[in-house]
N, C-alpha and C. Protein backbone atom coordinates (compact mmCIF):
# COMPACT_ATOMS: atom_id res chain seq x y z
N UNK A 1 -24.43 -12.94 -30.82
CA UNK A 1 -23.97 -12.08 -29.75
C UNK A 1 -22.45 -12.10 -29.58
N UNK A 2 -21.75 -13.24 -29.68
CA UNK A 2 -20.29 -13.21 -29.53
C UNK A 2 -19.63 -12.24 -30.51
N UNK A 3 -20.18 -12.15 -31.71
CA UNK A 3 -19.60 -11.22 -32.68
C UNK A 3 -19.76 -9.79 -32.19
N UNK A 4 -20.92 -9.46 -31.62
CA UNK A 4 -21.14 -8.12 -31.09
C UNK A 4 -20.16 -7.80 -29.96
N UNK A 5 -19.91 -8.78 -29.08
CA UNK A 5 -18.97 -8.57 -27.99
C UNK A 5 -17.56 -8.36 -28.53
N UNK A 6 -17.20 -9.09 -29.56
CA UNK A 6 -15.88 -8.95 -30.17
C UNK A 6 -15.72 -7.56 -30.79
N UNK A 7 -16.75 -7.11 -31.48
CA UNK A 7 -16.72 -5.76 -32.08
C UNK A 7 -16.59 -4.71 -30.99
N UNK A 8 -17.35 -4.86 -29.92
CA UNK A 8 -17.29 -3.91 -28.81
C UNK A 8 -15.89 -3.90 -28.18
N UNK A 9 -15.31 -5.08 -27.96
CA UNK A 9 -13.97 -5.17 -27.38
C UNK A 9 -12.94 -4.46 -28.25
N UNK A 10 -13.03 -4.64 -29.56
CA UNK A 10 -12.09 -3.97 -30.46
C UNK A 10 -12.29 -2.46 -30.44
N UNK A 11 -13.52 -2.01 -30.39
CA UNK A 11 -13.79 -0.57 -30.35
C UNK A 11 -13.28 0.04 -29.05
N UNK A 12 -13.49 -0.66 -27.92
CA UNK A 12 -12.99 -0.16 -26.64
C UNK A 12 -11.47 -0.12 -26.62
N UNK A 13 -10.82 -1.14 -27.17
CA UNK A 13 -9.36 -1.17 -27.22
C UNK A 13 -8.82 -0.02 -28.08
N UNK A 14 -9.52 0.27 -29.18
CA UNK A 14 -9.10 1.36 -30.07
C UNK A 14 -9.19 2.71 -29.35
N UNK A 15 -10.13 2.82 -28.40
CA UNK A 15 -10.32 4.06 -27.65
C UNK A 15 -9.89 3.89 -26.19
N UNK A 16 -8.86 3.10 -25.94
CA UNK A 16 -8.44 2.76 -24.57
C UNK A 16 -8.17 3.99 -23.71
N UNK A 17 -7.52 4.98 -24.26
CA UNK A 17 -7.22 6.16 -23.45
C UNK A 17 -8.48 6.91 -23.07
N UNK A 18 -9.41 7.07 -23.99
CA UNK A 18 -10.67 7.75 -23.68
C UNK A 18 -11.47 6.98 -22.63
N UNK A 19 -11.48 5.66 -22.74
CA UNK A 19 -12.17 4.82 -21.75
C UNK A 19 -11.53 5.01 -20.38
N UNK A 20 -10.20 5.00 -20.33
CA UNK A 20 -9.50 5.19 -19.06
C UNK A 20 -9.76 6.58 -18.48
N UNK A 21 -9.72 7.60 -19.32
CA UNK A 21 -9.98 8.96 -18.84
C UNK A 21 -11.36 9.07 -18.21
N UNK A 22 -12.33 8.35 -18.77
CA UNK A 22 -13.70 8.42 -18.25
C UNK A 22 -13.88 7.56 -16.99
N UNK A 23 -13.51 6.29 -17.05
CA UNK A 23 -13.78 5.36 -15.97
C UNK A 23 -12.68 5.30 -14.90
N UNK A 24 -11.47 5.68 -15.26
CA UNK A 24 -10.35 5.65 -14.32
C UNK A 24 -9.75 7.06 -14.22
N UNK A 25 -10.61 8.01 -13.93
CA UNK A 25 -10.24 9.43 -13.97
C UNK A 25 -9.22 9.84 -12.92
N UNK A 26 -9.01 9.04 -11.89
CA UNK A 26 -7.98 9.36 -10.89
C UNK A 26 -6.59 8.93 -11.32
N UNK A 27 -6.48 8.36 -12.51
CA UNK A 27 -5.18 7.95 -13.03
C UNK A 27 -4.62 8.98 -13.98
N UNK A 28 -3.53 8.59 -14.63
CA UNK A 28 -2.93 9.50 -15.62
C UNK A 28 -2.13 8.68 -16.63
N UNK A 29 -1.92 9.28 -17.78
CA UNK A 29 -1.12 8.63 -18.81
C UNK A 29 0.35 8.78 -18.46
N UNK A 30 1.07 7.68 -18.62
CA UNK A 30 2.51 7.71 -18.47
C UNK A 30 3.09 6.84 -19.57
N UNK A 31 3.61 7.48 -20.61
CA UNK A 31 4.13 6.75 -21.76
C UNK A 31 3.02 6.02 -22.49
N UNK A 32 3.16 4.71 -22.64
CA UNK A 32 2.17 3.90 -23.36
C UNK A 32 1.09 3.34 -22.45
N UNK A 33 1.09 3.75 -21.16
CA UNK A 33 0.18 3.15 -20.20
C UNK A 33 -0.64 4.20 -19.45
N UNK A 34 -1.80 3.76 -18.95
CA UNK A 34 -2.61 4.56 -18.03
C UNK A 34 -2.38 3.97 -16.64
N UNK A 35 -1.94 4.78 -15.69
CA UNK A 35 -1.66 4.30 -14.34
C UNK A 35 -2.72 4.81 -13.37
N UNK A 36 -3.20 3.91 -12.52
CA UNK A 36 -4.21 4.26 -11.52
C UNK A 36 -4.04 3.29 -10.36
N UNK A 37 -4.65 3.56 -9.23
CA UNK A 37 -4.51 2.70 -8.06
C UNK A 37 -5.09 1.31 -8.25
N UNK A 38 -6.33 1.24 -8.74
CA UNK A 38 -6.99 -0.05 -8.96
C UNK A 38 -8.24 0.15 -9.81
N UNK A 39 -8.97 -0.92 -10.05
CA UNK A 39 -10.16 -0.87 -10.90
C UNK A 39 -11.30 -0.08 -10.28
N UNK A 40 -11.17 0.24 -8.99
CA UNK A 40 -12.19 1.07 -8.32
C UNK A 40 -11.88 2.56 -8.46
N UNK A 41 -10.88 2.88 -9.26
CA UNK A 41 -10.50 4.26 -9.57
C UNK A 41 -9.87 4.99 -8.38
N UNK A 42 -9.20 4.27 -7.50
CA UNK A 42 -8.50 4.95 -6.42
C UNK A 42 -7.18 5.51 -6.96
N UNK A 43 -6.74 6.63 -6.41
CA UNK A 43 -5.46 7.18 -6.86
C UNK A 43 -4.31 6.23 -6.53
N UNK A 44 -3.31 6.22 -7.36
CA UNK A 44 -2.14 5.39 -7.12
C UNK A 44 -1.49 4.95 -8.41
N UNK A 45 -0.62 3.94 -8.31
CA UNK A 45 0.14 3.48 -9.47
C UNK A 45 0.20 1.96 -9.54
N UNK A 46 -0.75 1.27 -8.92
CA UNK A 46 -0.70 -0.18 -8.86
C UNK A 46 -1.22 -0.85 -10.14
N UNK A 47 -2.23 -0.28 -10.75
CA UNK A 47 -2.84 -0.87 -11.95
C UNK A 47 -2.41 -0.08 -13.18
N UNK A 48 -2.08 -0.81 -14.24
CA UNK A 48 -1.78 -0.11 -15.49
C UNK A 48 -2.52 -0.76 -16.64
N UNK A 49 -2.92 0.09 -17.59
CA UNK A 49 -3.66 -0.33 -18.77
C UNK A 49 -2.83 0.04 -19.99
N UNK A 50 -2.61 -0.91 -20.88
CA UNK A 50 -1.86 -0.64 -22.12
C UNK A 50 -2.76 0.17 -23.05
N UNK A 51 -2.27 1.29 -23.54
CA UNK A 51 -3.08 2.18 -24.37
C UNK A 51 -2.97 1.89 -25.86
N UNK A 52 -1.88 1.32 -26.29
CA UNK A 52 -1.67 1.00 -27.70
C UNK A 52 -1.22 -0.44 -27.82
N UNK A 53 -1.59 -1.09 -28.91
CA UNK A 53 -1.14 -2.46 -29.14
C UNK A 53 0.38 -2.49 -29.25
N UNK A 54 0.98 -3.54 -28.71
CA UNK A 54 2.43 -3.69 -28.77
C UNK A 54 2.76 -5.18 -28.83
N UNK A 55 4.03 -5.53 -29.04
CA UNK A 55 4.40 -6.95 -29.02
C UNK A 55 4.08 -7.63 -27.69
N UNK A 56 3.96 -6.85 -26.61
CA UNK A 56 3.65 -7.41 -25.30
C UNK A 56 2.17 -7.73 -25.14
N UNK A 57 1.32 -7.19 -26.00
CA UNK A 57 -0.11 -7.48 -25.90
C UNK A 57 -0.98 -6.41 -26.52
N UNK A 58 -2.29 -6.65 -26.47
CA UNK A 58 -3.23 -5.72 -27.11
C UNK A 58 -3.49 -4.47 -26.27
N UNK A 59 -3.97 -3.43 -26.92
CA UNK A 59 -4.43 -2.25 -26.21
C UNK A 59 -5.60 -2.64 -25.32
N UNK A 60 -5.68 -2.01 -24.16
CA UNK A 60 -6.77 -2.31 -23.24
C UNK A 60 -6.44 -3.39 -22.24
N UNK A 61 -5.36 -4.14 -22.45
CA UNK A 61 -4.97 -5.17 -21.49
C UNK A 61 -4.49 -4.48 -20.22
N UNK A 62 -4.94 -4.98 -19.07
CA UNK A 62 -4.58 -4.35 -17.81
C UNK A 62 -3.94 -5.33 -16.86
N UNK A 63 -3.16 -4.81 -15.95
CA UNK A 63 -2.53 -5.60 -14.90
C UNK A 63 -2.60 -4.79 -13.62
N UNK A 64 -2.95 -5.44 -12.53
CA UNK A 64 -2.97 -4.81 -11.22
C UNK A 64 -1.91 -5.49 -10.38
N UNK A 65 -0.86 -4.77 -10.04
CA UNK A 65 0.28 -5.32 -9.33
C UNK A 65 -0.01 -5.40 -7.84
N UNK A 66 0.24 -6.55 -7.22
CA UNK A 66 0.16 -6.73 -5.78
C UNK A 66 1.57 -7.07 -5.31
N UNK A 67 2.08 -6.27 -4.40
CA UNK A 67 3.43 -6.50 -3.90
C UNK A 67 3.53 -7.85 -3.21
N UNK A 68 4.64 -8.58 -3.40
CA UNK A 68 4.79 -9.88 -2.76
C UNK A 68 4.65 -9.83 -1.24
N UNK A 69 5.07 -8.76 -0.59
CA UNK A 69 4.95 -8.69 0.87
C UNK A 69 3.50 -8.66 1.30
N UNK A 70 2.63 -8.12 0.47
CA UNK A 70 1.19 -8.13 0.77
C UNK A 70 0.66 -9.55 0.61
N UNK A 71 1.12 -10.25 -0.40
CA UNK A 71 0.64 -11.60 -0.67
C UNK A 71 1.03 -12.57 0.44
N UNK A 72 2.13 -12.33 1.13
CA UNK A 72 2.64 -13.29 2.09
C UNK A 72 2.23 -12.99 3.54
N UNK A 73 1.49 -11.93 3.76
CA UNK A 73 1.08 -11.57 5.11
C UNK A 73 0.02 -12.55 5.62
N UNK A 74 0.23 -13.18 6.79
CA UNK A 74 -0.77 -14.10 7.33
C UNK A 74 -2.08 -13.38 7.64
N UNK A 75 -3.18 -14.09 7.50
CA UNK A 75 -4.49 -13.51 7.78
C UNK A 75 -5.30 -14.50 8.60
N UNK A 76 -5.83 -14.06 9.71
CA UNK A 76 -6.71 -14.85 10.57
C UNK A 76 -6.10 -16.22 10.90
N UNK A 77 -4.80 -16.26 11.18
CA UNK A 77 -4.17 -17.50 11.57
C UNK A 77 -3.90 -18.48 10.45
N UNK A 78 -4.28 -18.13 9.22
CA UNK A 78 -4.02 -19.02 8.08
C UNK A 78 -2.67 -18.67 7.47
N UNK A 79 -1.95 -19.66 6.96
CA UNK A 79 -0.68 -19.34 6.32
C UNK A 79 -0.90 -18.52 5.06
N UNK A 80 -0.03 -17.58 4.85
CA UNK A 80 -0.08 -16.70 3.69
C UNK A 80 -1.43 -16.01 3.63
N UNK A 81 -2.01 -15.86 2.46
CA UNK A 81 -3.28 -15.15 2.33
C UNK A 81 -4.33 -16.01 1.68
N UNK A 82 -4.31 -17.27 1.98
CA UNK A 82 -5.27 -18.20 1.39
C UNK A 82 -6.69 -17.71 1.63
N UNK A 83 -7.46 -17.55 0.56
CA UNK A 83 -8.85 -17.14 0.67
C UNK A 83 -9.05 -15.66 0.91
N UNK A 84 -8.00 -14.88 0.91
CA UNK A 84 -8.14 -13.46 1.17
C UNK A 84 -8.33 -12.69 -0.12
N UNK A 85 -8.62 -11.42 0.04
CA UNK A 85 -8.76 -10.56 -1.13
C UNK A 85 -7.45 -10.49 -1.90
N UNK A 86 -6.32 -10.53 -1.19
CA UNK A 86 -5.02 -10.46 -1.87
C UNK A 86 -4.81 -11.65 -2.78
N UNK A 87 -5.19 -12.87 -2.34
CA UNK A 87 -4.99 -14.03 -3.21
C UNK A 87 -5.97 -13.99 -4.38
N UNK A 88 -7.18 -13.48 -4.15
CA UNK A 88 -8.13 -13.33 -5.26
C UNK A 88 -7.59 -12.33 -6.27
N UNK A 89 -7.01 -11.24 -5.76
CA UNK A 89 -6.44 -10.23 -6.64
C UNK A 89 -5.26 -10.83 -7.40
N UNK A 90 -4.47 -11.66 -6.74
CA UNK A 90 -3.35 -12.31 -7.42
C UNK A 90 -3.86 -13.18 -8.57
N UNK A 91 -4.98 -13.90 -8.35
CA UNK A 91 -5.53 -14.72 -9.41
C UNK A 91 -5.95 -13.87 -10.60
N UNK A 92 -6.45 -12.67 -10.35
CA UNK A 92 -6.82 -11.78 -11.45
C UNK A 92 -5.56 -11.34 -12.21
N UNK A 93 -4.49 -11.10 -11.47
CA UNK A 93 -3.25 -10.64 -12.11
C UNK A 93 -2.73 -11.69 -13.08
N UNK A 94 -2.79 -12.94 -12.68
CA UNK A 94 -2.21 -13.96 -13.54
C UNK A 94 -2.97 -14.08 -14.85
N UNK A 95 -4.27 -13.74 -14.84
CA UNK A 95 -5.01 -13.77 -16.10
C UNK A 95 -4.74 -12.50 -16.90
N UNK A 96 -4.63 -11.35 -16.20
CA UNK A 96 -4.31 -10.09 -16.85
C UNK A 96 -5.35 -9.63 -17.86
N UNK A 97 -6.57 -10.12 -17.76
CA UNK A 97 -7.58 -9.78 -18.75
C UNK A 97 -8.89 -9.44 -18.09
N UNK A 98 -9.65 -8.65 -18.77
CA UNK A 98 -11.02 -8.36 -18.35
C UNK A 98 -11.92 -9.24 -19.18
N UNK A 99 -12.82 -9.98 -18.54
CA UNK A 99 -13.71 -10.88 -19.28
C UNK A 99 -14.74 -10.10 -20.05
């Protein structure tokens, strides 16, 4: 099965733009990237997907940017955003990969 997953990952990366057009239809191509609000397909420019392999990484690699001011906003009396959706989203950003 790992080999099948690897083959699928390579095929999806090869067709990154078509995958984005289908699943992230509220986004648009801008240069070498597909820009969209987030993985839930909301309109915007926060998440970007690399469409072609480059020295910076493989095609299909995505990053969802969270502004630092969002990360530092206190929530429910806790310092910063500990345990919030913003900190979980930040943890996803640091990995920059889809499992």
